[in-house]
Protein backbone atom coordinates (compact mmCIF):
# COMPACT_ATOMS: atom_id res chain seq x y z
CA UNK A 1 0.00 0.00 0.00
CA UNK A 2 2.76 2.37 0.93
CA UNK A 3 4.57 1.36 -2.23
CA UNK A 4 1.55 2.27 -4.38
CA UNK A 5 1.24 5.65 -2.67
CA UNK A 6 4.91 6.33 -3.32
CA UNK A 7 4.52 5.46 -6.99
CA UNK A 8 1.39 7.64 -7.27
CA UNK A 9 3.20 10.52 -5.58
CA UNK A 10 6.11 10.16 -7.97
CA UNK A 11 3.78 10.16 -10.97
CA UNK A 12 2.01 13.29 -9.73
CA UNK A 13 5.29 15.09 -9.16
CA UNK A 14 6.52 14.07 -12.59
CA UNK A 15 3.31 15.41 -14.18
CA UNK A 16 3.67 18.69 -12.30
CA UNK A 17 7.29 18.98 -13.38
CA UNK A 18 6.37 18.36 -17.03
CA UNK A 19 3.61 20.96 -16.79
CA UNK A 20 5.95 23.55 -15.29
CA UNK A 21 8.58 22.89 -17.92
CA UNK A 22 5.98 23.13 -20.68
CA UNK A 23 4.70 26.44 -19.36
CA UNK A 24 8.18 27.86 -18.99
CA UNK A 25 9.29 26.72 -22.41
CA UNK A 26 6.12 28.02 -24.09
CA UNK A 27 6.47 31.44 -22.50
CA UNK A 28 10.08 31.67 -23.66
CA UNK A 29 9.08 30.66 -27.17
CA UNK A 30 6.33 33.26 -27.20
CA UNK A 31 8.76 35.91 -26.03
CA UNK A 32 11.26 34.86 -28.72
CA UNK A 33 8.62 35.02 -31.47
CA UNK A 34 7.40 38.44 -30.31
CA UNK A 35 10.97 39.70 -30.20
CA UNK A 36 11.63 38.48 -33.72
CA UNK A 37 8.48 40.19 -34.98
CA UNK A 38 9.49 43.42 -33.24
CA UNK A 39 13.00 43.32 -34.70
CA UNK A 40 11.63 42.63 -38.19
CA UNK A 41 9.18 45.56 -37.83
CA UNK A 42 12.00 47.87 -36.71
CA UNK A 43 14.15 46.89 -39.67
CA UNK A 44 11.24 47.59 -42.05
CA UNK A 45 10.73 51.01 -40.45
CA UNK A 46 14.41 51.84 -40.87
CA UNK A 47 14.30 50.86 -44.55
CA UNK A 48 11.16 52.97 -45.14
CA UNK A 49 12.72 55.93 -43.32
CA UNK A 50 15.88 55.76 -45.42
CA UNK A 51 13.88 55.38 -48.66
CA UNK A 52 11.63 58.36 -47.83
CA UNK A 53 14.59 60.58 -46.95
CA UNK A 54 16.23 59.71 -50.27
CA UNK A 55 13.02 60.53 -52.15
CA UNK A 56 12.73 63.85 -50.33
CA UNK A 57 16.32 64.80 -51.24
CA UNK A 58 15.76 63.77 -54.88
CA UNK A 59 12.48 65.72 -55.18
CA UNK A 60 14.00 68.75 -53.47
CA UNK A 61 16.98 68.86 -55.82
CA UNK A 62 14.78 68.40 -58.90
CA UNK A 63 12.45 71.16 -57.67
CA UNK A 64 15.35 73.55 -57.16
CA UNK A 65 16.66 72.79 -60.69
CA UNK A 66 13.33 73.71 -62.27
CA UNK A 67 12.95 76.79 -60.05
CA UNK A 68 16.48 77.94 -60.91
CA UNK A 69 15.78 77.37 -64.59
CA UNK A 70 12.76 79.67 -64.42
CA UNK A 71 14.46 82.22 -62.17
CA UNK A 72 11.97 81.64 -59.36
CA UNK A 73 12.79 81.77 -55.61
CA UNK A 74 13.91 78.41 -54.23
CA UNK A 75 11.55 76.67 -51.82
CA UNK A 76 13.14 76.56 -48.39
CA UNK A 77 13.68 73.61 -46.11
CA UNK A 78 12.53 73.83 -42.50
CA UNK A 79 14.25 72.94 -39.24
CA UNK A 80 11.66 70.18 -38.61
CA UNK A 81 12.31 68.74 -42.05
CA UNK A 82 16.00 68.38 -41.24
CA UNK A 83 15.43 66.89 -37.77
CA UNK A 84 12.13 64.97 -37.80
CA UNK A 85 12.33 61.25 -38.61
CA UNK A 86 8.83 59.93 -37.91
CA UNK A 87 7.28 58.10 -40.86
CA UNK A 88 4.04 60.17 -40.99
CA UNK A 89 6.04 63.42 -41.11
CA UNK A 90 8.43 62.06 -43.73
CA UNK A 91 5.50 60.91 -45.92
CA UNK A 92 3.91 64.37 -45.64
CA UNK A 93 7.22 66.10 -46.46
CA UNK A 94 7.79 63.85 -49.47
CA UNK A 95 4.31 64.63 -50.82
CA UNK A 96 4.95 68.35 -50.26
CA UNK A 97 8.16 68.30 -52.32
CA UNK A 98 6.48 66.21 -55.04
CA UNK A 99 3.76 68.85 -55.35
CA UNK A 100 6.39 71.59 -55.54
CA UNK A 101 8.25 69.64 -58.23
CA UNK A 102 5.13 69.16 -60.33
CA UNK A 103 4.22 72.84 -59.93
CA UNK A 104 7.70 74.05 -60.94
CA UNK A 105 7.85 71.75 -63.95
CA UNK A 106 4.36 72.82 -65.04
CA UNK A 107 5.34 76.50 -64.74
CA UNK A 108 8.33 76.06 -67.07
CA UNK A 109 6.36 74.05 -69.62
CA UNK A 110 3.52 76.55 -69.54
CA UNK A 111 6.03 79.35 -70.04
CA UNK A 112 7.54 77.62 -73.09
CA UNK A 113 4.08 77.08 -74.57
CA UNK A 114 3.31 80.82 -74.53
CA UNK A 115 3.77 81.95 -78.14
CA UNK A 116 2.13 85.38 -77.91
CA UNK A 117 2.80 88.62 -76.06
CA UNK A 118 4.41 88.50 -72.62
CA UNK A 119 5.12 91.41 -70.26
CA UNK A 120 8.82 92.16 -69.66
CA UNK A 121 9.11 90.23 -66.38
CA UNK A 122 7.59 87.08 -67.87
CA UNK A 123 9.56 87.51 -71.12
CA UNK A 124 12.73 87.63 -69.03
CA UNK A 125 11.79 84.33 -67.36
CA UNK A 126 11.13 82.81 -70.78
CA UNK A 127 14.48 84.07 -72.01
CA UNK A 128 16.25 82.44 -69.10
CA UNK A 129 14.57 79.09 -69.77
CA UNK A 130 15.20 79.21 -73.52
CA UNK A 131 18.85 80.25 -73.12
CA UNK A 132 19.47 77.34 -70.75
CA UNK A 133 17.55 74.67 -72.67
CA UNK A 134 18.55 75.66 -76.22
CA UNK A 135 22.20 76.71 -75.77
CA UNK A 136 23.17 75.77 -72.23
CA UNK A 137 23.67 79.43 -71.32
CA UNK A 138 23.33 79.56 -67.53
CA UNK A 139 25.21 81.28 -64.73
CA UNK A 140 27.44 84.07 -66.02
CA UNK A 141 26.27 83.67 -69.62
CA UNK A 142 22.68 84.20 -68.50
CA UNK A 143 23.69 87.31 -66.54
CA UNK A 144 25.42 88.65 -69.66
CA UNK A 145 22.30 88.02 -71.76
CA UNK A 146 20.12 89.71 -69.16
CA UNK A 147 22.52 92.65 -69.13
CA UNK A 148 22.54 92.86 -72.94
CA UNK A 149 18.80 92.75 -73.54
CA UNK A 150 17.57 93.96 -70.17
CA UNK A 151 19.91 96.93 -69.74
CA UNK A 152 21.48 97.89 -73.07
CA UNK A 153 18.76 97.05 -75.58
CA UNK A 154 15.04 96.66 -74.88
CA UNK A 155 14.44 95.96 -71.19
CA UNK A 156 12.81 92.71 -72.33
CA UNK A 157 10.00 94.71 -73.96
CA UNK A 158 8.45 92.84 -76.88
CA UNK A 159 7.28 96.10 -78.46
CA UNK A 160 10.48 98.07 -77.89
CA UNK A 161 10.88 100.37 -80.90
CA UNK A 162 14.12 102.29 -81.47
CA UNK A 163 13.30 105.85 -82.58
CA UNK A 164 16.69 106.22 -84.28
CA UNK A 165 16.64 103.03 -86.36
CA UNK A 166 14.34 100.24 -87.61
CA UNK A 167 15.49 98.05 -84.67
CA UNK A 168 12.62 96.35 -82.91
CA UNK A 169 11.74 93.87 -80.19
CA UNK A 170 13.58 92.23 -77.33
CA UNK A 171 16.85 91.58 -79.25
CA UNK A 172 16.49 94.85 -81.22
CA UNK A 173 16.70 93.15 -84.61
CA UNK A 174 17.52 95.70 -87.32
CA UNK A 175 15.14 95.70 -89.08
CA UNK A 176 12.55 93.90 -86.98
CA UNK A 177 11.25 91.99 -89.98
CA UNK A 178 14.42 89.86 -89.86
CA UNK A 179 12.76 87.90 -87.06
CA UNK A 180 10.13 86.55 -89.46
CA UNK A 181 12.46 83.63 -90.25
CA UNK A 182 12.14 82.50 -86.62
CA UNK A 183 8.35 82.31 -86.64
CA UNK A 184 5.09 84.01 -87.37
CA UNK A 185 3.79 86.89 -85.27
CA UNK A 186 7.35 88.12 -84.73
CA UNK A 187 6.17 91.65 -83.88
CA UNK A 188 4.18 90.42 -80.85
CA UNK A 189 5.68 87.09 -79.80
CA UNK A 190 8.29 87.00 -77.05
CA UNK A 191 9.05 83.37 -77.91
CA UNK A 192 9.82 84.14 -81.57
CA UNK A 193 11.91 87.22 -80.74
CA UNK A 194 13.98 85.41 -78.10
CA UNK A 195 14.45 82.40 -80.37
CA UNK A 196 15.75 84.65 -83.14
CA UNK A 197 17.96 86.67 -80.77
CA UNK A 198 19.62 83.60 -79.24
CA UNK A 199 20.30 82.14 -82.67
CA UNK A 200 21.72 85.48 -83.84
CA UNK A 201 24.17 85.60 -80.91
CA UNK A 202 25.23 81.98 -81.33
CA UNK A 203 25.62 81.78 -85.12
CA UNK A 204 25.25 84.96 -87.15
CA UNK A 205 28.26 87.06 -86.21
CA UNK A 206 31.90 85.98 -86.44
CA UNK A 207 32.89 88.44 -83.70
CA UNK A 208 30.97 86.64 -80.91
CA UNK A 209 29.15 83.39 -80.20
CA UNK A 210 28.04 83.77 -76.58
CA UNK A 211 26.18 86.47 -74.63
CA UNK A 212 29.30 87.54 -72.70
CA UNK A 213 31.22 87.97 -75.96
CA UNK A 214 28.28 89.95 -77.34
CA UNK A 215 28.34 92.25 -74.29
CA UNK A 216 32.07 92.87 -74.77
CA UNK A 217 31.43 93.69 -78.44
CA UNK A 218 28.56 96.00 -77.46
CA UNK A 219 30.76 97.89 -75.00
CA UNK A 220 33.25 98.59 -77.81
CA UNK A 221 30.87 99.45 -80.67
CA UNK A 222 27.55 100.29 -78.87
CA UNK A 223 25.83 97.70 -81.02
CA UNK A 224 25.98 93.96 -81.54
C-alpha atoms as a PDB file:
ATOM      1  CA  UNK A   1       0.000   0.000   0.000  1.00  0.00           C
ATOM      2  CA  UNK A   2       2.760   2.372   0.926  1.00  0.00           C
ATOM      3  CA  UNK A   3       4.566   1.360  -2.231  1.00  0.00           C
ATOM      4  CA  UNK A   4       1.555   2.274  -4.376  1.00  0.00           C
ATOM      5  CA  UNK A   5       1.243   5.650  -2.665  1.00  0.00           C
ATOM      6  CA  UNK A   6       4.911   6.329  -3.316  1.00  0.00           C
ATOM      7  CA  UNK A   7       4.523   5.459  -6.988  1.00  0.00           C
ATOM      8  CA  UNK A   8       1.388   7.641  -7.266  1.00  0.00           C
ATOM      9  CA  UNK A   9       3.202  10.524  -5.579  1.00  0.00           C
ATOM     10  CA  UNK A  10       6.109  10.165  -7.968  1.00  0.00           C
ATOM     11  CA  UNK A  11       3.779  10.165 -10.971  1.00  0.00           C
ATOM     12  CA  UNK A  12       2.006  13.294  -9.730  1.00  0.00           C
ATOM     13  CA  UNK A  13       5.292  15.092  -9.159  1.00  0.00           C
ATOM     14  CA  UNK A  14       6.519  14.070 -12.586  1.00  0.00           C
ATOM     15  CA  UNK A  15       3.312  15.411 -14.181  1.00  0.00           C
ATOM     16  CA  UNK A  16       3.667  18.689 -12.297  1.00  0.00           C
ATOM     17  CA  UNK A  17       7.285  18.976 -13.378  1.00  0.00           C
ATOM     18  CA  UNK A  18       6.366  18.361 -17.027  1.00  0.00           C
ATOM     19  CA  UNK A  19       3.606  20.960 -16.790  1.00  0.00           C
ATOM     20  CA  UNK A  20       5.947  23.549 -15.288  1.00  0.00           C
ATOM     21  CA  UNK A  21       8.583  22.894 -17.918  1.00  0.00           C
ATOM     22  CA  UNK A  22       5.985  23.130 -20.676  1.00  0.00           C
ATOM     23  CA  UNK A  23       4.699  26.442 -19.362  1.00  0.00           C
ATOM     24  CA  UNK A  24       8.178  27.864 -18.986  1.00  0.00           C
ATOM     25  CA  UNK A  25       9.288  26.720 -22.413  1.00  0.00           C
ATOM     26  CA  UNK A  26       6.119  28.015 -24.092  1.00  0.00           C
ATOM     27  CA  UNK A  27       6.472  31.437 -22.501  1.00  0.00           C
ATOM     28  CA  UNK A  28      10.079  31.668 -23.659  1.00  0.00           C
ATOM     29  CA  UNK A  29       9.084  30.655 -27.171  1.00  0.00           C
ATOM     30  CA  UNK A  30       6.333  33.260 -27.196  1.00  0.00           C
ATOM     31  CA  UNK A  31       8.760  35.906 -26.034  1.00  0.00           C
ATOM     32  CA  UNK A  32      11.260  34.856 -28.724  1.00  0.00           C
ATOM     33  CA  UNK A  33       8.622  35.024 -31.472  1.00  0.00           C
ATOM     34  CA  UNK A  34       7.397  38.435 -30.307  1.00  0.00           C
ATOM     35  CA  UNK A  35      10.972  39.702 -30.195  1.00  0.00           C
ATOM     36  CA  UNK A  36      11.630  38.482 -33.716  1.00  0.00           C
ATOM     37  CA  UNK A  37       8.482  40.188 -34.977  1.00  0.00           C
ATOM     38  CA  UNK A  38       9.494  43.425 -33.236  1.00  0.00           C
ATOM     39  CA  UNK A  39      13.003  43.320 -34.704  1.00  0.00           C
ATOM     40  CA  UNK A  40      11.632  42.634 -38.185  1.00  0.00           C
ATOM     41  CA  UNK A  41       9.180  45.557 -37.834  1.00  0.00           C
ATOM     42  CA  UNK A  42      11.996  47.871 -36.705  1.00  0.00           C
ATOM     43  CA  UNK A  43      14.147  46.888 -39.672  1.00  0.00           C
ATOM     44  CA  UNK A  44      11.237  47.585 -42.047  1.00  0.00           C
ATOM     45  CA  UNK A  45      10.734  51.007 -40.454  1.00  0.00           C
ATOM     46  CA  UNK A  46      14.411  51.840 -40.874  1.00  0.00           C
ATOM     47  CA  UNK A  47      14.296  50.860 -44.548  1.00  0.00           C
ATOM     48  CA  UNK A  48      11.158  52.975 -45.137  1.00  0.00           C
ATOM     49  CA  UNK A  49      12.718  55.926 -43.322  1.00  0.00           C
ATOM     50  CA  UNK A  50      15.883  55.760 -45.424  1.00  0.00           C
ATOM     51  CA  UNK A  51      13.876  55.383 -48.663  1.00  0.00           C
ATOM     52  CA  UNK A  52      11.626  58.356 -47.834  1.00  0.00           C
ATOM     53  CA  UNK A  53      14.593  60.577 -46.946  1.00  0.00           C
ATOM     54  CA  UNK A  54      16.233  59.708 -50.268  1.00  0.00           C
ATOM     55  CA  UNK A  55      13.024  60.530 -52.150  1.00  0.00           C
ATOM     56  CA  UNK A  56      12.734  63.848 -50.329  1.00  0.00           C
ATOM     57  CA  UNK A  57      16.321  64.798 -51.243  1.00  0.00           C
ATOM     58  CA  UNK A  58      15.764  63.773 -54.876  1.00  0.00           C
ATOM     59  CA  UNK A  59      12.485  65.715 -55.180  1.00  0.00           C
ATOM     60  CA  UNK A  60      14.002  68.746 -53.468  1.00  0.00           C
ATOM     61  CA  UNK A  61      16.984  68.861 -55.825  1.00  0.00           C
ATOM     62  CA  UNK A  62      14.780  68.404 -58.897  1.00  0.00           C
ATOM     63  CA  UNK A  63      12.446  71.164 -57.667  1.00  0.00           C
ATOM     64  CA  UNK A  64      15.352  73.546 -57.161  1.00  0.00           C
ATOM     65  CA  UNK A  65      16.665  72.786 -60.686  1.00  0.00           C
ATOM     66  CA  UNK A  66      13.334  73.706 -62.266  1.00  0.00           C
ATOM     67  CA  UNK A  67      12.948  76.786 -60.053  1.00  0.00           C
ATOM     68  CA  UNK A  68      16.476  77.941 -60.908  1.00  0.00           C
ATOM     69  CA  UNK A  69      15.778  77.375 -64.586  1.00  0.00           C
ATOM     70  CA  UNK A  70      12.756  79.669 -64.423  1.00  0.00           C
ATOM     71  CA  UNK A  71      14.465  82.220 -62.171  1.00  0.00           C
ATOM     72  CA  UNK A  72      11.970  81.636 -59.357  1.00  0.00           C
ATOM     73  CA  UNK A  73      12.788  81.769 -55.610  1.00  0.00           C
ATOM     74  CA  UNK A  74      13.907  78.412 -54.231  1.00  0.00           C
ATOM     75  CA  UNK A  75      11.546  76.670 -51.818  1.00  0.00           C
ATOM     76  CA  UNK A  76      13.143  76.561 -48.393  1.00  0.00           C
ATOM     77  CA  UNK A  77      13.681  73.607 -46.106  1.00  0.00           C
ATOM     78  CA  UNK A  78      12.531  73.830 -42.497  1.00  0.00           C
ATOM     79  CA  UNK A  79      14.248  72.936 -39.236  1.00  0.00           C
ATOM     80  CA  UNK A  80      11.664  70.184 -38.615  1.00  0.00           C
ATOM     81  CA  UNK A  81      12.307  68.737 -42.047  1.00  0.00           C
ATOM     82  CA  UNK A  82      15.999  68.381 -41.236  1.00  0.00           C
ATOM     83  CA  UNK A  83      15.426  66.885 -37.769  1.00  0.00           C
ATOM     84  CA  UNK A  84      12.135  64.973 -37.800  1.00  0.00           C
ATOM     85  CA  UNK A  85      12.328  61.245 -38.614  1.00  0.00           C
ATOM     86  CA  UNK A  86       8.826  59.928 -37.914  1.00  0.00           C
ATOM     87  CA  UNK A  87       7.284  58.100 -40.855  1.00  0.00           C
ATOM     88  CA  UNK A  88       4.038  60.170 -40.991  1.00  0.00           C
ATOM     89  CA  UNK A  89       6.040  63.421 -41.110  1.00  0.00           C
ATOM     90  CA  UNK A  90       8.427  62.056 -43.733  1.00  0.00           C
ATOM     91  CA  UNK A  91       5.502  60.915 -45.916  1.00  0.00           C
ATOM     92  CA  UNK A  92       3.913  64.366 -45.640  1.00  0.00           C
ATOM     93  CA  UNK A  93       7.220  66.100 -46.458  1.00  0.00           C
ATOM     94  CA  UNK A  94       7.786  63.847 -49.467  1.00  0.00           C
ATOM     95  CA  UNK A  95       4.307  64.634 -50.818  1.00  0.00           C
ATOM     96  CA  UNK A  96       4.954  68.351 -50.264  1.00  0.00           C
ATOM     97  CA  UNK A  97       8.157  68.297 -52.320  1.00  0.00           C
ATOM     98  CA  UNK A  98       6.484  66.210 -55.043  1.00  0.00           C
ATOM     99  CA  UNK A  99       3.759  68.849 -55.346  1.00  0.00           C
ATOM    100  CA  UNK A 100       6.391  71.587 -55.540  1.00  0.00           C
ATOM    101  CA  UNK A 101       8.252  69.642 -58.226  1.00  0.00           C
ATOM    102  CA  UNK A 102       5.128  69.160 -60.329  1.00  0.00           C
ATOM    103  CA  UNK A 103       4.216  72.835 -59.928  1.00  0.00           C
ATOM    104  CA  UNK A 104       7.696  74.055 -60.941  1.00  0.00           C
ATOM    105  CA  UNK A 105       7.848  71.746 -63.949  1.00  0.00           C
ATOM    106  CA  UNK A 106       4.364  72.822 -65.037  1.00  0.00           C
ATOM    107  CA  UNK A 107       5.337  76.501 -64.738  1.00  0.00           C
ATOM    108  CA  UNK A 108       8.330  76.064 -67.069  1.00  0.00           C
ATOM    109  CA  UNK A 109       6.358  74.052 -69.621  1.00  0.00           C
ATOM    110  CA  UNK A 110       3.519  76.551 -69.538  1.00  0.00           C
ATOM    111  CA  UNK A 111       6.034  79.350 -70.044  1.00  0.00           C
ATOM    112  CA  UNK A 112       7.538  77.618 -73.086  1.00  0.00           C
ATOM    113  CA  UNK A 113       4.084  77.083 -74.568  1.00  0.00           C
ATOM    114  CA  UNK A 114       3.315  80.824 -74.530  1.00  0.00           C
ATOM    115  CA  UNK A 115       3.771  81.947 -78.144  1.00  0.00           C
ATOM    116  CA  UNK A 116       2.133  85.377 -77.909  1.00  0.00           C
ATOM    117  CA  UNK A 117       2.805  88.621 -76.065  1.00  0.00           C
ATOM    118  CA  UNK A 118       4.415  88.503 -72.621  1.00  0.00           C
ATOM    119  CA  UNK A 119       5.123  91.405 -70.260  1.00  0.00           C
ATOM    120  CA  UNK A 120       8.819  92.161 -69.660  1.00  0.00           C
ATOM    121  CA  UNK A 121       9.113  90.230 -66.382  1.00  0.00           C
ATOM    122  CA  UNK A 122       7.592  87.084 -67.871  1.00  0.00           C
ATOM    123  CA  UNK A 123       9.560  87.506 -71.116  1.00  0.00           C
ATOM    124  CA  UNK A 124      12.731  87.632 -69.028  1.00  0.00           C
ATOM    125  CA  UNK A 125      11.786  84.335 -67.364  1.00  0.00           C
ATOM    126  CA  UNK A 126      11.126  82.813 -70.781  1.00  0.00           C
ATOM    127  CA  UNK A 127      14.483  84.071 -72.012  1.00  0.00           C
ATOM    128  CA  UNK A 128      16.249  82.445 -69.104  1.00  0.00           C
ATOM    129  CA  UNK A 129      14.567  79.089 -69.766  1.00  0.00           C
ATOM    130  CA  UNK A 130      15.201  79.207 -73.523  1.00  0.00           C
ATOM    131  CA  UNK A 131      18.851  80.246 -73.121  1.00  0.00           C
ATOM    132  CA  UNK A 132      19.473  77.344 -70.751  1.00  0.00           C
ATOM    133  CA  UNK A 133      17.551  74.670 -72.670  1.00  0.00           C
ATOM    134  CA  UNK A 134      18.547  75.665 -76.223  1.00  0.00           C
ATOM    135  CA  UNK A 135      22.196  76.708 -75.768  1.00  0.00           C
ATOM    136  CA  UNK A 136      23.169  75.771 -72.226  1.00  0.00           C
ATOM    137  CA  UNK A 137      23.666  79.428 -71.318  1.00  0.00           C
ATOM    138  CA  UNK A 138      23.328  79.563 -67.534  1.00  0.00           C
ATOM    139  CA  UNK A 139      25.208  81.278 -64.725  1.00  0.00           C
ATOM    140  CA  UNK A 140      27.443  84.066 -66.016  1.00  0.00           C
ATOM    141  CA  UNK A 141      26.268  83.670 -69.615  1.00  0.00           C
ATOM    142  CA  UNK A 142      22.678  84.203 -68.499  1.00  0.00           C
ATOM    143  CA  UNK A 143      23.686  87.307 -66.544  1.00  0.00           C
ATOM    144  CA  UNK A 144      25.418  88.646 -69.664  1.00  0.00           C
ATOM    145  CA  UNK A 145      22.301  88.018 -71.762  1.00  0.00           C
ATOM    146  CA  UNK A 146      20.124  89.714 -69.157  1.00  0.00           C
ATOM    147  CA  UNK A 147      22.516  92.653 -69.133  1.00  0.00           C
ATOM    148  CA  UNK A 148      22.545  92.864 -72.937  1.00  0.00           C
ATOM    149  CA  UNK A 149      18.804  92.749 -73.540  1.00  0.00           C
ATOM    150  CA  UNK A 150      17.569  93.957 -70.175  1.00  0.00           C
ATOM    151  CA  UNK A 151      19.913  96.933 -69.738  1.00  0.00           C
ATOM    152  CA  UNK A 152      21.483  97.892 -73.074  1.00  0.00           C
ATOM    153  CA  UNK A 153      18.760  97.045 -75.580  1.00  0.00           C
ATOM    154  CA  UNK A 154      15.038  96.659 -74.878  1.00  0.00           C
ATOM    155  CA  UNK A 155      14.437  95.963 -71.190  1.00  0.00           C
ATOM    156  CA  UNK A 156      12.807  92.705 -72.335  1.00  0.00           C
ATOM    157  CA  UNK A 157      10.004  94.711 -73.962  1.00  0.00           C
ATOM    158  CA  UNK A 158       8.447  92.843 -76.881  1.00  0.00           C
ATOM    159  CA  UNK A 159       7.280  96.100 -78.461  1.00  0.00           C
ATOM    160  CA  UNK A 160      10.478  98.069 -77.893  1.00  0.00           C
ATOM    161  CA  UNK A 161      10.883 100.368 -80.902  1.00  0.00           C
ATOM    162  CA  UNK A 162      14.118 102.287 -81.470  1.00  0.00           C
ATOM    163  CA  UNK A 163      13.297 105.855 -82.579  1.00  0.00           C
ATOM    164  CA  UNK A 164      16.685 106.218 -84.275  1.00  0.00           C
ATOM    165  CA  UNK A 165      16.639 103.028 -86.364  1.00  0.00           C
ATOM    166  CA  UNK A 166      14.339 100.240 -87.614  1.00  0.00           C
ATOM    167  CA  UNK A 167      15.495  98.046 -84.671  1.00  0.00           C
ATOM    168  CA  UNK A 168      12.621  96.347 -82.909  1.00  0.00           C
ATOM    169  CA  UNK A 169      11.738  93.870 -80.187  1.00  0.00           C
ATOM    170  CA  UNK A 170      13.582  92.235 -77.330  1.00  0.00           C
ATOM    171  CA  UNK A 171      16.850  91.584 -79.251  1.00  0.00           C
ATOM    172  CA  UNK A 172      16.492  94.848 -81.217  1.00  0.00           C
ATOM    173  CA  UNK A 173      16.697  93.152 -84.610  1.00  0.00           C
ATOM    174  CA  UNK A 174      17.519  95.696 -87.315  1.00  0.00           C
ATOM    175  CA  UNK A 175      15.144  95.702 -89.079  1.00  0.00           C
ATOM    176  CA  UNK A 176      12.554  93.901 -86.982  1.00  0.00           C
ATOM    177  CA  UNK A 177      11.249  91.992 -89.983  1.00  0.00           C
ATOM    178  CA  UNK A 178      14.419  89.865 -89.856  1.00  0.00           C
ATOM    179  CA  UNK A 179      12.764  87.902 -87.062  1.00  0.00           C
ATOM    180  CA  UNK A 180      10.129  86.549 -89.458  1.00  0.00           C
ATOM    181  CA  UNK A 181      12.461  83.634 -90.254  1.00  0.00           C
ATOM    182  CA  UNK A 182      12.141  82.504 -86.616  1.00  0.00           C
ATOM    183  CA  UNK A 183       8.353  82.306 -86.643  1.00  0.00           C
ATOM    184  CA  UNK A 184       5.091  84.013 -87.369  1.00  0.00           C
ATOM    185  CA  UNK A 185       3.791  86.891 -85.266  1.00  0.00           C
ATOM    186  CA  UNK A 186       7.347  88.118 -84.727  1.00  0.00           C
ATOM    187  CA  UNK A 187       6.172  91.653 -83.884  1.00  0.00           C
ATOM    188  CA  UNK A 188       4.179  90.421 -80.853  1.00  0.00           C
ATOM    189  CA  UNK A 189       5.677  87.089 -79.796  1.00  0.00           C
ATOM    190  CA  UNK A 190       8.290  87.002 -77.045  1.00  0.00           C
ATOM    191  CA  UNK A 191       9.048  83.372 -77.912  1.00  0.00           C
ATOM    192  CA  UNK A 192       9.821  84.139 -81.569  1.00  0.00           C
ATOM    193  CA  UNK A 193      11.907  87.216 -80.739  1.00  0.00           C
ATOM    194  CA  UNK A 194      13.976  85.406 -78.100  1.00  0.00           C
ATOM    195  CA  UNK A 195      14.450  82.399 -80.369  1.00  0.00           C
ATOM    196  CA  UNK A 196      15.751  84.650 -83.144  1.00  0.00           C
ATOM    197  CA  UNK A 197      17.958  86.665 -80.774  1.00  0.00           C
ATOM    198  CA  UNK A 198      19.617  83.599 -79.244  1.00  0.00           C
ATOM    199  CA  UNK A 199      20.298  82.137 -82.670  1.00  0.00           C
ATOM    200  CA  UNK A 200      21.716  85.479 -83.841  1.00  0.00           C
ATOM    201  CA  UNK A 201      24.173  85.597 -80.914  1.00  0.00           C
ATOM    202  CA  UNK A 202      25.229  81.975 -81.327  1.00  0.00           C
ATOM    203  CA  UNK A 203      25.617  81.780 -85.117  1.00  0.00           C
ATOM    204  CA  UNK A 204      25.250  84.963 -87.148  1.00  0.00           C
ATOM    205  CA  UNK A 205      28.255  87.064 -86.207  1.00  0.00           C
ATOM    206  CA  UNK A 206      31.904  85.982 -86.443  1.00  0.00           C
ATOM    207  CA  UNK A 207      32.892  88.437 -83.703  1.00  0.00           C
ATOM    208  CA  UNK A 208      30.971  86.645 -80.914  1.00  0.00           C
ATOM    209  CA  UNK A 209      29.147  83.393 -80.198  1.00  0.00           C
ATOM    210  CA  UNK A 210      28.041  83.772 -76.584  1.00  0.00           C
ATOM    211  CA  UNK A 211      26.180  86.472 -74.629  1.00  0.00           C
ATOM    212  CA  UNK A 212      29.302  87.542 -72.703  1.00  0.00           C
ATOM    213  CA  UNK A 213      31.222  87.971 -75.957  1.00  0.00           C
ATOM    214  CA  UNK A 214      28.276  89.946 -77.341  1.00  0.00           C
ATOM    215  CA  UNK A 215      28.344  92.247 -74.294  1.00  0.00           C
ATOM    216  CA  UNK A 216      32.072  92.872 -74.771  1.00  0.00           C
ATOM    217  CA  UNK A 217      31.435  93.690 -78.436  1.00  0.00           C
ATOM    218  CA  UNK A 218      28.565  96.002 -77.459  1.00  0.00           C
ATOM    219  CA  UNK A 219      30.758  97.891 -75.000  1.00  0.00           C
ATOM    220  CA  UNK A 220      33.246  98.593 -77.808  1.00  0.00           C
ATOM    221  CA  UNK A 221      30.868  99.455 -80.666  1.00  0.00           C
ATOM    222  CA  UNK A 222      27.553 100.294 -78.871  1.00  0.00           C
ATOM    223  CA  UNK A 223      25.827  97.701 -81.016  1.00  0.00           C
ATOM    224  CA  UNK A 224      25.984  93.963 -81.541  1.00  0.00           C
END
